[in-house]
Amino acid sequence: MTYKTAQIRLVSSHPEVYEPCDDSFALVDALLADRTYLVQHHPTVCMEIGFRSGYVITSLALILAQEVTGAYYVATEINPHALAVTPKTLETHGIHAELVMTEIASGLET
């Protein structure tokens, strides 16, 4: 079975934001390879640190969408330009994720 990932042509960009590249593609490939394991553990919170263009967090939500419901997606980033363009990436793929401008995860509380 083929699972959806974020479409590159729908990923928003900005000159100051790192675009999806080999490392992003490798990470999404690894998530696809571990999809069965992830689904079996029914994650309730999925977090990405350093979301850049939003390609990875969007892809993760799409990969899990068919079988994992109610998961909360959150992603952090220090680059304000990324925070400006990533909502469009999420929106064009029909995905919701909480985006937080912070260094690593220092701005998050339980």
PDB file of N, CA and C in Angstrom:
ATOM      1  N   MET A   1       0.842  -1.180   0.000  1.00  0.00           N
ATOM      2  CA  MET A   1       0.000   0.000   0.000  1.00  0.00           C
ATOM      3  C   MET A   1       0.890   1.247   0.000  1.00  0.00           C
ATOM      4  N   THR A   2       0.489   2.250  -0.753  1.00  0.00           N
ATOM      5  CA  THR A   2       1.228   3.494  -0.821  1.00  0.00           C
ATOM      6  C   THR A   2       0.604   4.502   0.144  1.00  0.00           C
ATOM      7  N   TYR A   3       1.448   5.193   0.885  1.00  0.00           N
ATOM      8  CA  TYR A   3       0.968   6.188   1.837  1.00  0.00           C
ATOM      9  C   TYR A   3       1.370   7.573   1.369  1.00  0.00           C
ATOM     10  N   LYS A   4       0.510   8.527   1.641  1.00  0.00           N
ATOM     11  CA  LYS A   4       0.756   9.898   1.221  1.00  0.00           C
ATOM     12  C   LYS A   4       1.840  10.543   2.074  1.00  0.00           C
ATOM     13  N   THR A   5       2.621  11.384   1.436  1.00  0.00           N
ATOM     14  CA  THR A   5       3.543  12.272   2.126  1.00  0.00           C
ATOM     15  C   THR A   5       3.312  13.669   1.546  1.00  0.00           C
ATOM     16  N   ALA A   6       3.915  14.657   2.137  1.00  0.00           N
ATOM     17  CA  ALA A   6       3.763  16.021   1.649  1.00  0.00           C
ATOM     18  C   ALA A   6       4.269  16.112   0.209  1.00  0.00           C
ATOM     19  N   GLN A   7       3.563  16.821  -0.598  1.00  0.00           N
ATOM     20  CA  GLN A   7       3.964  17.025  -1.989  1.00  0.00           C
ATOM     21  C   GLN A   7       4.894  18.228  -2.070  1.00  0.00           C
ATOM     22  N   ILE A   8       6.066  18.007  -2.648  1.00  0.00           N
ATOM     23  CA  ILE A   8       7.070  19.076  -2.722  1.00  0.00           C
ATOM     24  C   ILE A   8       6.505  20.327  -3.386  1.00  0.00           C
ATOM     25  N   ARG A   9       5.720  20.162  -4.419  1.00  0.00           N
ATOM     26  CA  ARG A   9       5.180  21.333  -5.129  1.00  0.00           C
ATOM     27  C   ARG A   9       4.228  22.158  -4.253  1.00  0.00           C
ATOM     28  N   LEU A  10       3.752  21.578  -3.138  1.00  0.00           N
ATOM     29  CA  LEU A  10       2.843  22.286  -2.240  1.00  0.00           C
ATOM     30  C   LEU A  10       3.539  22.781  -0.965  1.00  0.00           C
ATOM     31  N   VAL A  11       4.844  22.587  -0.885  1.00  0.00           N
ATOM     32  CA  VAL A  11       5.602  23.041   0.280  1.00  0.00           C
ATOM     33  C   VAL A  11       5.979  24.507   0.065  1.00  0.00           C
ATOM     34  N   SER A  12       5.567  25.348   0.985  1.00  0.00           N
ATOM     35  CA  SER A  12       5.872  26.775   0.887  1.00  0.00           C
ATOM     36  C   SER A  12       7.355  27.023   1.118  1.00  0.00           C
ATOM     37  N   SER A  13       7.838  28.101   0.529  1.00  0.00           N
ATOM     38  CA  SER A  13       9.265  28.387   0.679  1.00  0.00           C
ATOM     39  C   SER A  13       9.507  29.873   0.913  1.00  0.00           C
ATOM     40  N   HIS A  14      10.703  30.143   1.323  1.00  0.00           N
ATOM     41  CA  HIS A  14      11.189  31.502   1.587  1.00  0.00           C
ATOM     42  C   HIS A  14      12.708  31.427   1.490  1.00  0.00           C
ATOM     43  N   PRO A  15      13.366  32.467   0.979  1.00  0.00           N
ATOM     44  CA  PRO A  15      14.829  32.413   0.846  1.00  0.00           C
ATOM     45  C   PRO A  15      15.581  32.140   2.150  1.00  0.00           C
ATOM     46  N   GLU A  16      14.968  32.441   3.284  1.00  0.00           N
ATOM     47  CA  GLU A  16      15.615  32.262   4.580  1.00  0.00           C
ATOM     48  C   GLU A  16      15.220  30.947   5.264  1.00  0.00           C
ATOM     49  N   VAL A  17      14.496  30.082   4.544  1.00  0.00           N
ATOM     50  CA  VAL A  17      14.020  28.819   5.120  1.00  0.00           C
ATOM     51  C   VAL A  17      14.639  27.658   4.356  1.00  0.00           C
ATOM     52  N   TYR A  18      15.215  26.729   5.099  1.00  0.00           N
ATOM     53  CA  TYR A  18      15.819  25.532   4.526  1.00  0.00           C
ATOM     54  C   TYR A  18      14.749  24.702   3.835  1.00  0.00           C
ATOM     55  N   GLU A  19      14.939  24.446   2.554  1.00  0.00           N
ATOM     56  CA  GLU A  19      13.971  23.665   1.784  1.00  0.00           C
ATOM     57  C   GLU A  19      14.205  22.180   1.998  1.00  0.00           C
ATOM     58  N   PRO A  20      13.158  21.368   1.810  1.00  0.00           N
ATOM     59  CA  PRO A  20      13.347  19.919   1.925  1.00  0.00           C
ATOM     60  C   PRO A  20      14.466  19.455   0.992  1.00  0.00           C
ATOM     61  N   CYS A  21      15.324  18.631   1.535  1.00  0.00           N
ATOM     62  CA  CYS A  21      16.478  18.137   0.789  1.00  0.00           C
ATOM     63  C   CYS A  21      16.684  16.673   1.181  1.00  0.00           C
ATOM     64  N   ASP A  22      17.841  16.126   0.851  1.00  0.00           N
ATOM     65  CA  ASP A  22      18.102  14.711   1.098  1.00  0.00           C
ATOM     66  C   ASP A  22      17.850  14.281   2.542  1.00  0.00           C
ATOM     67  N   ASP A  23      18.236  15.114   3.509  1.00  0.00           N
ATOM     68  CA  ASP A  23      18.029  14.726   4.906  1.00  0.00           C
ATOM     69  C   ASP A  23      16.542  14.666   5.256  1.00  0.00           C
ATOM     70  N   SER A  24      15.770  15.593   4.730  1.00  0.00           N
ATOM     71  CA  SER A  24      14.324  15.584   4.965  1.00  0.00           C
ATOM     72  C   SER A  24      13.687  14.363   4.318  1.00  0.00           C
ATOM     73  N   PHE A  25      14.094  14.073   3.099  1.00  0.00           N
ATOM     74  CA  PHE A  25      13.542  12.910   2.390  1.00  0.00           C
ATOM     75  C   PHE A  25      13.917  11.615   3.098  1.00  0.00           C
ATOM     76  N   ALA A  26      15.155  11.541   3.606  1.00  0.00           N
ATOM     77  CA  ALA A  26      15.602  10.338   4.322  1.00  0.00           C
ATOM     78  C   ALA A  26      14.794  10.149   5.601  1.00  0.00           C
ATOM     79  N   LEU A  27      14.508  11.236   6.316  1.00  0.00           N
ATOM     80  CA  LEU A  27      13.721  11.141   7.543  1.00  0.00           C
ATOM     81  C   LEU A  27      12.298  10.670   7.238  1.00  0.00           C
ATOM     82  N   VAL A  28      11.690  11.216   6.201  1.00  0.00           N
ATOM     83  CA  VAL A  28      10.336  10.792   5.835  1.00  0.00           C
ATOM     84  C   VAL A  28      10.350   9.332   5.372  1.00  0.00           C
ATOM     85  N   ASP A  29      11.376   8.937   4.649  1.00  0.00           N
ATOM     86  CA  ASP A  29      11.503   7.523   4.258  1.00  0.00           C
ATOM     87  C   ASP A  29      11.596   6.624   5.486  1.00  0.00           C
ATOM     88  N   ALA A  30      12.331   7.066   6.509  1.00  0.00           N
ATOM     89  CA  ALA A  30      12.453   6.290   7.750  1.00  0.00           C
ATOM     90  C   ALA A  30      11.106   6.201   8.468  1.00  0.00           C
ATOM     91  N   LEU A  31      10.346   7.291   8.469  1.00  0.00           N
ATOM     92  CA  LEU A  31       9.007   7.273   9.078  1.00  0.00           C
ATOM     93  C   LEU A  31       8.091   6.309   8.331  1.00  0.00           C
ATOM     94  N   LEU A  32       8.187   6.307   7.016  1.00  0.00           N
ATOM     95  CA  LEU A  32       7.403   5.353   6.222  1.00  0.00           C
ATOM     96  C   LEU A  32       7.797   3.917   6.542  1.00  0.00           C
ATOM     97  N   ALA A  33       9.095   3.673   6.676  1.00  0.00           N
ATOM     98  CA  ALA A  33       9.578   2.322   6.981  1.00  0.00           C
ATOM     99  C   ALA A  33       9.111   1.855   8.357  1.00  0.00           C
ATOM    100  N   ASP A  34       8.972   2.790   9.300  1.00  0.00           N
ATOM    101  CA  ASP A  34       8.550   2.465  10.667  1.00  0.00           C
ATOM    102  C   ASP A  34       7.054   2.689  10.893  1.00  0.00           C
ATOM    103  N   ARG A  35       6.313   2.916   9.844  1.00  0.00           N
ATOM    104  CA  ARG A  35       4.906   3.246   9.958  1.00  0.00           C
ATOM    105  C   ARG A  35       4.112   2.219  10.772  1.00  0.00           C
ATOM    106  N   THR A  36       4.309   0.953  10.505  1.00  0.00           N
ATOM    107  CA  THR A  36       3.580  -0.088  11.230  1.00  0.00           C
ATOM    108  C   THR A  36       3.863   0.007  12.724  1.00  0.00           C
ATOM    109  N   TYR A  37       5.116   0.176  13.097  1.00  0.00           N
ATOM    110  CA  TYR A  37       5.516   0.321  14.500  1.00  0.00           C
ATOM    111  C   TYR A  37       4.843   1.551  15.114  1.00  0.00           C
ATOM    112  N   LEU A  38       4.866   2.662  14.399  1.00  0.00           N
ATOM    113  CA  LEU A  38       4.256   3.892  14.907  1.00  0.00           C
ATOM    114  C   LEU A  38       2.751   3.706  15.128  1.00  0.00           C
ATOM    115  N   VAL A  39       2.078   3.119  14.170  1.00  0.00           N
ATOM    116  CA  VAL A  39       0.629   2.907  14.280  1.00  0.00           C
ATOM    117  C   VAL A  39       0.299   1.994  15.456  1.00  0.00           C
ATOM    118  N   GLN A  40       1.097   0.945  15.652  1.00  0.00           N
ATOM    119  CA  GLN A  40       0.857   0.011  16.762  1.00  0.00           C
ATOM    120  C   GLN A  40       0.937   0.703  18.118  1.00  0.00           C
ATOM    121  N   HIS A  41       1.746   1.733  18.223  1.00  0.00           N
ATOM    122  CA  HIS A  41       1.901   2.456  19.492  1.00  0.00           C
ATOM    123  C   HIS A  41       0.935   3.629  19.619  1.00  0.00           C
ATOM    124  N   HIS A  42       0.077   3.808  18.634  1.00  0.00           N
ATOM    125  CA  HIS A  42      -0.958   4.839  18.627  1.00  0.00           C
ATOM    126  C   HIS A  42      -0.489   6.127  19.337  1.00  0.00           C
ATOM    127  N   PRO A  43       0.398   6.875  18.700  1.00  0.00           N
ATOM    128  CA  PRO A  43       0.911   8.092  19.336  1.00  0.00           C
ATOM    129  C   PRO A  43      -0.187   9.125  19.564  1.00  0.00           C
ATOM    130  N   THR A  44      -0.106   9.791  20.692  1.00  0.00           N
ATOM    131  CA  THR A  44      -1.059  10.853  20.982  1.00  0.00           C
ATOM    132  C   THR A  44      -0.427  12.226  20.784  1.00  0.00           C
ATOM    133  N   VAL A  45       0.911  12.294  20.862  1.00  0.00           N
ATOM    134  CA  VAL A  45       1.640  13.530  20.606  1.00  0.00           C
ATOM    135  C   VAL A  45       2.786  13.215  19.655  1.00  0.00           C
ATOM    136  N   CYS A  46       2.870  13.982  18.582  1.00  0.00           N
ATOM    137  CA  CYS A  46       3.960  13.849  17.621  1.00  0.00           C
ATOM    138  C   CYS A  46       4.628  15.216  17.527  1.00  0.00           C
ATOM    139  N   MET A  47       5.938  15.254  17.754  1.00  0.00           N
ATOM    140  CA  MET A  47       6.648  16.531  17.808  1.00  0.00           C
ATOM    141  C   MET A  47       7.849  16.536  16.883  1.00  0.00           C
ATOM    142  N   GLU A  48       8.016  17.649  16.192  1.00  0.00           N
ATOM    143  CA  GLU A  48       9.215  17.866  15.386  1.00  0.00           C
ATOM    144  C   GLU A  48       9.911  19.113  15.905  1.00  0.00           C
ATOM    145  N   ILE A  49      11.200  19.010  16.082  1.00  0.00           N
ATOM    146  CA  ILE A  49      12.002  20.156  16.506  1.00  0.00           C
ATOM    147  C   ILE A  49      12.747  20.665  15.282  1.00  0.00           C
ATOM    148  N   GLY A  50      12.543  21.931  14.954  1.00  0.00           N
ATOM    149  CA  GLY A  50      13.156  22.524  13.774  1.00  0.00           C
ATOM    150  C   GLY A  50      12.387  22.166  12.517  1.00  0.00           C
ATOM    151  N   PHE A  51      11.147  22.639  12.395  1.00  0.00           N
ATOM    152  CA  PHE A  51      10.265  22.196  11.313  1.00  0.00           C
ATOM    153  C   PHE A  51      10.581  22.808   9.953  1.00  0.00           C
ATOM    154  N   ARG A  52      11.340  23.870   9.905  1.00  0.00           N
ATOM    155  CA  ARG A  52      11.727  24.528   8.651  1.00  0.00           C
ATOM    156  C   ARG A  52      10.517  24.775   7.762  1.00  0.00           C
ATOM    157  N   SER A  53      10.404  24.096   6.635  1.00  0.00           N
ATOM    158  CA  SER A  53       9.291  24.328   5.693  1.00  0.00           C
ATOM    159  C   SER A  53       8.022  23.588   6.081  1.00  0.00           C
ATOM    160  N   GLY A  54       8.106  22.673   7.037  1.00  0.00           N
ATOM    161  CA  GLY A  54       6.949  21.889   7.453  1.00  0.00           C
ATOM    162  C   GLY A  54       6.795  20.573   6.716  1.00  0.00           C
ATOM    163  N   TYR A  55       7.744  20.231   5.863  1.00  0.00           N
ATOM    164  CA  TYR A  55       7.652  19.007   5.058  1.00  0.00           C
ATOM    165  C   TYR A  55       7.547  17.748   5.922  1.00  0.00           C
ATOM    166  N   VAL A  56       8.371  17.642   6.966  1.00  0.00           N
ATOM    167  CA  VAL A  56       8.411  16.412   7.762  1.00  0.00           C
ATOM    168  C   VAL A  56       7.159  16.266   8.631  1.00  0.00           C
ATOM    169  N   ILE A  57       6.781  17.290   9.376  1.00  0.00           N
ATOM    170  CA  ILE A  57       5.609  17.179  10.252  1.00  0.00           C
ATOM    171  C   ILE A  57       4.336  16.963   9.419  1.00  0.00           C
ATOM    172  N   THR A  58       4.266  17.605   8.252  1.00  0.00           N
ATOM    173  CA  THR A  58       3.125  17.398   7.360  1.00  0.00           C
ATOM    174  C   THR A  58       3.101  15.962   6.855  1.00  0.00           C
ATOM    175  N   SER A  59       4.260  15.469   6.439  1.00  0.00           N
ATOM    176  CA  SER A  59       4.346  14.092   5.949  1.00  0.00           C
ATOM    177  C   SER A  59       3.978  13.095   7.038  1.00  0.00           C
ATOM    178  N   LEU A  60       4.471  13.311   8.259  1.00  0.00           N
ATOM    179  CA  LEU A  60       4.146  12.400   9.362  1.00  0.00           C
ATOM    180  C   LEU A  60       2.639  12.345   9.589  1.00  0.00           C
ATOM    181  N   ALA A  61       2.001  13.499   9.626  1.00  0.00           N
ATOM    182  CA  ALA A  61       0.547  13.533   9.836  1.00  0.00           C
ATOM    183  C   ALA A  61      -0.186  12.804   8.707  1.00  0.00           C
ATOM    184  N   LEU A  62       0.277  12.964   7.489  1.00  0.00           N
ATOM    185  CA  LEU A  62      -0.349  12.268   6.361  1.00  0.00           C
ATOM    186  C   LEU A  62      -0.113  10.761   6.433  1.00  0.00           C
ATOM    187  N   ILE A  63       1.084  10.365   6.814  1.00  0.00           N
ATOM    188  CA  ILE A  63       1.427   8.941   6.918  1.00  0.00           C
ATOM    189  C   ILE A  63       0.531   8.244   7.945  1.00  0.00           C
ATOM    190  N   LEU A  64       0.267   8.926   9.053  1.00  0.00           N
ATOM    191  CA  LEU A  64      -0.504   8.318  10.137  1.00  0.00           C
ATOM    192  C   LEU A  64      -2.017   8.534  10.013  1.00  0.00           C
ATOM    193  N   ALA A  65      -2.426   9.431   9.140  1.00  0.00           N
ATOM    194  CA  ALA A  65      -3.820   9.889   9.083  1.00  0.00           C
ATOM    195  C   ALA A  65      -4.854   8.775   8.953  1.00  0.00           C
ATOM    196  N   GLN A  66      -4.558   7.726   8.199  1.00  0.00           N
ATOM    197  CA  GLN A  66      -5.563   6.691   7.956  1.00  0.00           C
ATOM    198  C   GLN A  66      -5.878   5.857   9.191  1.00  0.00           C
ATOM    199  N   GLU A  67      -4.903   5.686  10.077  1.00  0.00           N
ATOM    200  CA  GLU A  67      -5.119   4.759  11.192  1.00  0.00           C
ATOM    201  C   GLU A  67      -4.923   5.363  12.582  1.00  0.00           C
ATOM    202  N   VAL A  68      -4.356   6.530  12.669  1.00  0.00           N
ATOM    203  CA  VAL A  68      -4.142   7.166  13.972  1.00  0.00           C
ATOM    204  C   VAL A  68      -5.023   8.407  14.024  1.00  0.00           C
ATOM    205  N   THR A  69      -6.003   8.376  14.905  1.00  0.00           N
ATOM    206  CA  THR A  69      -6.888   9.529  15.051  1.00  0.00           C
ATOM    207  C   THR A  69      -6.638  10.192  16.396  1.00  0.00           C
ATOM    208  N   GLY A  70      -6.875  11.477  16.427  1.00  0.00           N
ATOM    209  CA  GLY A  70      -6.753  12.218  17.676  1.00  0.00           C
ATOM    210  C   GLY A  70      -5.341  12.564  18.089  1.00  0.00           C
ATOM    211  N   ALA A  71      -4.356  12.330  17.236  1.00  0.00           N
ATOM    212  CA  ALA A  71      -2.976  12.689  17.582  1.00  0.00           C
ATOM    213  C   ALA A  71      -2.818  14.206  17.529  1.00  0.00           C
ATOM    214  N   TYR A  72      -1.999  14.709  18.416  1.00  0.00           N
ATOM    215  CA  TYR A  72      -1.700  16.140  18.489  1.00  0.00           C
ATOM    216  C   TYR A  72      -0.327  16.338  17.871  1.00  0.00           C
ATOM    217  N   TYR A  73      -0.245  17.174  16.848  1.00  0.00           N
ATOM    218  CA  TYR A  73       1.018  17.444  16.160  1.00  0.00           C
ATOM    219  C   TYR A  73       1.508  18.817  16.577  1.00  0.00           C
ATOM    220  N   VAL A  74       2.746  18.875  17.024  1.00  0.00           N
ATOM    221  CA  VAL A  74       3.361  20.127  17.443  1.00  0.00           C
ATOM    222  C   VAL A  74       4.770  20.179  16.871  1.00  0.00           C
ATOM    223  N   ALA A  75       5.184  21.369  16.461  1.00  0.00           N
ATOM    224  CA  ALA A  75       6.511  21.529  15.887  1.00  0.00           C
ATOM    225  C   ALA A  75       7.096  22.855  16.346  1.00  0.00           C
ATOM    226  N   THR A  76       8.393  22.856  16.596  1.00  0.00           N
ATOM    227  CA  THR A  76       9.061  24.069  17.064  1.00  0.00           C
ATOM    228  C   THR A  76      10.090  24.535  16.039  1.00  0.00           C
ATOM    229  N   GLU A  77      10.357  25.828  16.075  1.00  0.00           N
ATOM    230  CA  GLU A  77      11.315  26.430  15.143  1.00  0.00           C
ATOM    231  C   GLU A  77      11.736  27.773  15.707  1.00  0.00           C
ATOM    232  N   ILE A  78      12.991  28.140  15.462  1.00  0.00           N
ATOM    233  CA  ILE A  78      13.496  29.435  15.918  1.00  0.00           C
ATOM    234  C   ILE A  78      13.450  30.485  14.811  1.00  0.00           C
ATOM    235  N   ASN A  79      13.336  30.050  13.563  1.00  0.00           N
ATOM    236  CA  ASN A  79      13.354  30.949  12.413  1.00  0.00           C
ATOM    237  C   ASN A  79      11.960  31.547  12.178  1.00  0.00           C
ATOM    238  N   PRO A  80      11.811  32.874  12.330  1.00  0.00           N
ATOM    239  CA  PRO A  80      10.492  33.483  12.137  1.00  0.00           C
ATOM    240  C   PRO A  80       9.972  33.354  10.702  1.00  0.00           C
ATOM    241  N   HIS A  81      10.870  33.255   9.727  1.00  0.00           N
ATOM    242  CA  HIS A  81      10.441  33.082   8.335  1.00  0.00           C
ATOM    243  C   HIS A  81       9.786  31.720   8.137  1.00  0.00           C
ATOM    244  N   ALA A  82      10.319  30.712   8.800  1.00  0.00           N
ATOM    245  CA  ALA A  82       9.716  29.372   8.730  1.00  0.00           C
ATOM    246  C   ALA A  82       8.332  29.401   9.366  1.00  0.00           C
ATOM    247  N   LEU A  83       8.215  30.116  10.457  1.00  0.00           N
ATOM    248  CA  LEU A  83       6.923  30.223  11.130  1.00  0.00           C
ATOM    249  C   LEU A  83       5.899  30.932  10.242  1.00  0.00           C
ATOM    250  N   ALA A  84       6.373  31.781   9.354  1.00  0.00           N
ATOM    251  CA  ALA A  84       5.471  32.493   8.447  1.00  0.00           C
ATOM    252  C   ALA A  84       5.013  31.639   7.267  1.00  0.00           C
ATOM    253  N   VAL A  85       5.873  30.757   6.741  1.00  0.00           N
ATOM    254  CA  VAL A  85       5.506  29.996   5.539  1.00  0.00           C
ATOM    255  C   VAL A  85       4.914  28.615   5.819  1.00  0.00           C
ATOM    256  N   THR A  86       5.250  28.018   6.942  1.00  0.00           N
ATOM    257  CA  THR A  86       4.815  26.651   7.214  1.00  0.00           C
ATOM    258  C   THR A  86       3.299  26.495   7.345  1.00  0.00           C
ATOM    259  N   PRO A  87       2.582  27.455   7.904  1.00  0.00           N
ATOM    260  CA  PRO A  87       1.119  27.278   7.946  1.00  0.00           C
ATOM    261  C   PRO A  87       0.503  27.026   6.571  1.00  0.00           C
ATOM    262  N   LYS A  88       1.062  27.620   5.536  1.00  0.00           N
ATOM    263  CA  LYS A  88       0.542  27.388   4.186  1.00  0.00           C
ATOM    264  C   LYS A  88       0.815  25.947   3.745  1.00  0.00           C
ATOM    265  N   THR A  89       1.994  25.421   4.070  1.00  0.00           N
ATOM    266  CA  THR A  89       2.303  24.027   3.750  1.00  0.00           C
ATOM    267  C   THR A  89       1.290  23.105   4.413  1.00  0.00           C
ATOM    268  N   LEU A  90       1.036  23.326   5.683  1.00  0.00           N
ATOM    269  CA  LEU A  90       0.071  22.505   6.418  1.00  0.00           C
ATOM    270  C   LEU A  90      -1.323  22.631   5.813  1.00  0.00           C
ATOM    271  N   GLU A  91      -1.741  23.856   5.588  1.00  0.00           N
ATOM    272  CA  GLU A  91      -3.089  24.112   5.085  1.00  0.00           C
ATOM    273  C   GLU A  91      -3.321  23.477   3.711  1.00  0.00           C
ATOM    274  N   THR A  92      -2.367  23.597   2.809  1.00  0.00           N
ATOM    275  CA  THR A  92      -2.566  23.044   1.468  1.00  0.00           C
ATOM    276  C   THR A  92      -2.629  21.521   1.467  1.00  0.00           C
ATOM    277  N   HIS A  93      -2.142  20.897   2.545  1.00  0.00           N
ATOM    278  CA  HIS A  93      -2.222  19.438   2.672  1.00  0.00           C
ATOM    279  C   HIS A  93      -3.369  18.996   3.578  1.00  0.00           C
ATOM    280  N   GLY A  94      -4.120  19.954   4.125  1.00  0.00           N
ATOM    281  CA  GLY A  94      -5.245  19.625   4.993  1.00  0.00           C
ATOM    282  C   GLY A  94      -4.825  19.115   6.363  1.00  0.00           C
ATOM    283  N   ILE A  95      -3.691  19.589   6.842  1.00  0.00           N
ATOM    284  CA  ILE A  95      -3.128  19.130   8.116  1.00  0.00           C
ATOM    285  C   ILE A  95      -3.128  20.274   9.123  1.00  0.00           C
ATOM    286  N   HIS A  96      -3.376  19.928  10.383  1.00  0.00           N
ATOM    287  CA  HIS A  96      -3.255  20.912  11.464  1.00  0.00           C
ATOM    288  C   HIS A  96      -2.124  20.489  12.387  1.00  0.00           C
ATOM    289  N   ALA A  97      -1.262  21.429  12.698  1.00  0.00           N
ATOM    290  CA  ALA A  97      -0.208  21.219  13.692  1.00  0.00           C
ATOM    291  C   ALA A  97      -0.007  22.531  14.431  1.00  0.00           C
ATOM    292  N   GLU A  98       0.276  22.420  15.702  1.00  0.00           N
ATOM    293  CA  GLU A  98       0.596  23.591  16.517  1.00  0.00           C
ATOM    294  C   GLU A  98       2.050  23.963  16.218  1.00  0.00           C
ATOM    295  N   LEU A  99       2.284  25.206  15.808  1.00  0.00           N
ATOM    296  CA  LEU A  99       3.631  25.679  15.517  1.00  0.00           C
ATOM    297  C   LEU A  99       4.057  26.648  16.607  1.00  0.00           C
ATOM    298  N   VAL A 100       5.230  26.403  17.186  1.00  0.00           N
ATOM    299  CA  VAL A 100       5.705  27.208  18.308  1.00  0.00           C
ATOM    300  C   VAL A 100       7.078  27.757  17.967  1.00  0.00           C
ATOM    301  N   MET A 101       7.223  29.076  18.093  1.00  0.00           N
ATOM    302  CA  MET A 101       8.528  29.690  17.882  1.00  0.00           C
ATOM    303  C   MET A 101       9.309  29.647  19.190  1.00  0.00           C
ATOM    304  N   THR A 102      10.311  28.784  19.214  1.00  0.00           N
ATOM    305  CA  THR A 102      11.137  28.619  20.398  1.00  0.00           C
ATOM    306  C   THR A 102      12.416  27.923  20.010  1.00  0.00           C
ATOM    307  N   GLU A 103      13.413  27.992  20.859  1.00  0.00           N
ATOM    308  CA  GLU A 103      14.649  27.267  20.625  1.00  0.00           C
ATOM    309  C   GLU A 103      14.482  25.837  21.152  1.00  0.00           C
ATOM    310  N   ILE A 104      14.608  24.899  20.288  1.00  0.00           N
ATOM    311  CA  ILE A 104      14.428  23.467  20.542  1.00  0.00           C
ATOM    312  C   ILE A 104      13.036  23.259  21.130  1.00  0.00           C
ATOM    313  N   ALA A 105      12.896  23.104  22.425  1.00  0.00           N
ATOM    314  CA  ALA A 105      11.579  22.920  23.039  1.00  0.00           C
ATOM    315  C   ALA A 105      11.483  23.709  24.333  1.00  0.00           C
ATOM    316  N   SER A 106      12.349  24.711  24.498  1.00  0.00           N
ATOM    317  CA  SER A 106      12.402  25.435  25.772  1.00  0.00           C
ATOM    318  C   SER A 106      11.145  26.223  26.090  1.00  0.00           C
ATOM    319  N   GLY A 107      10.317  26.551  25.098  1.00  0.00           N
ATOM    320  CA  GLY A 107       9.121  27.314  25.351  1.00  0.00           C
ATOM    321  C   GLY A 107       7.890  26.479  25.625  1.00  0.00           C
ATOM    322  N   LEU A 108       8.057  25.195  25.751  1.00  0.00           N
ATOM    323  CA  LEU A 108       6.895  24.325  25.960  1.00  0.00           C
ATOM    324  C   LEU A 108       6.762  23.943  27.425  1.00  0.00           C
ATOM    325  N   GLU A 109       5.543  23.920  27.878  1.00  0.00           N
ATOM    326  CA  GLU A 109       5.264  23.486  29.246  1.00  0.00           C
ATOM    327  C   GLU A 109       4.277  22.329  29.192  1.00  0.00           C
ATOM    328  N   THR A 110       4.235  21.547  30.243  1.00  0.00           N
ATOM    329  CA  THR A 110       3.287  20.435  30.289  1.00  0.00           C
ATOM    330  C   THR A 110       1.906  20.911  30.620  1.00  0.00           C
TER     331      THR A 110
END
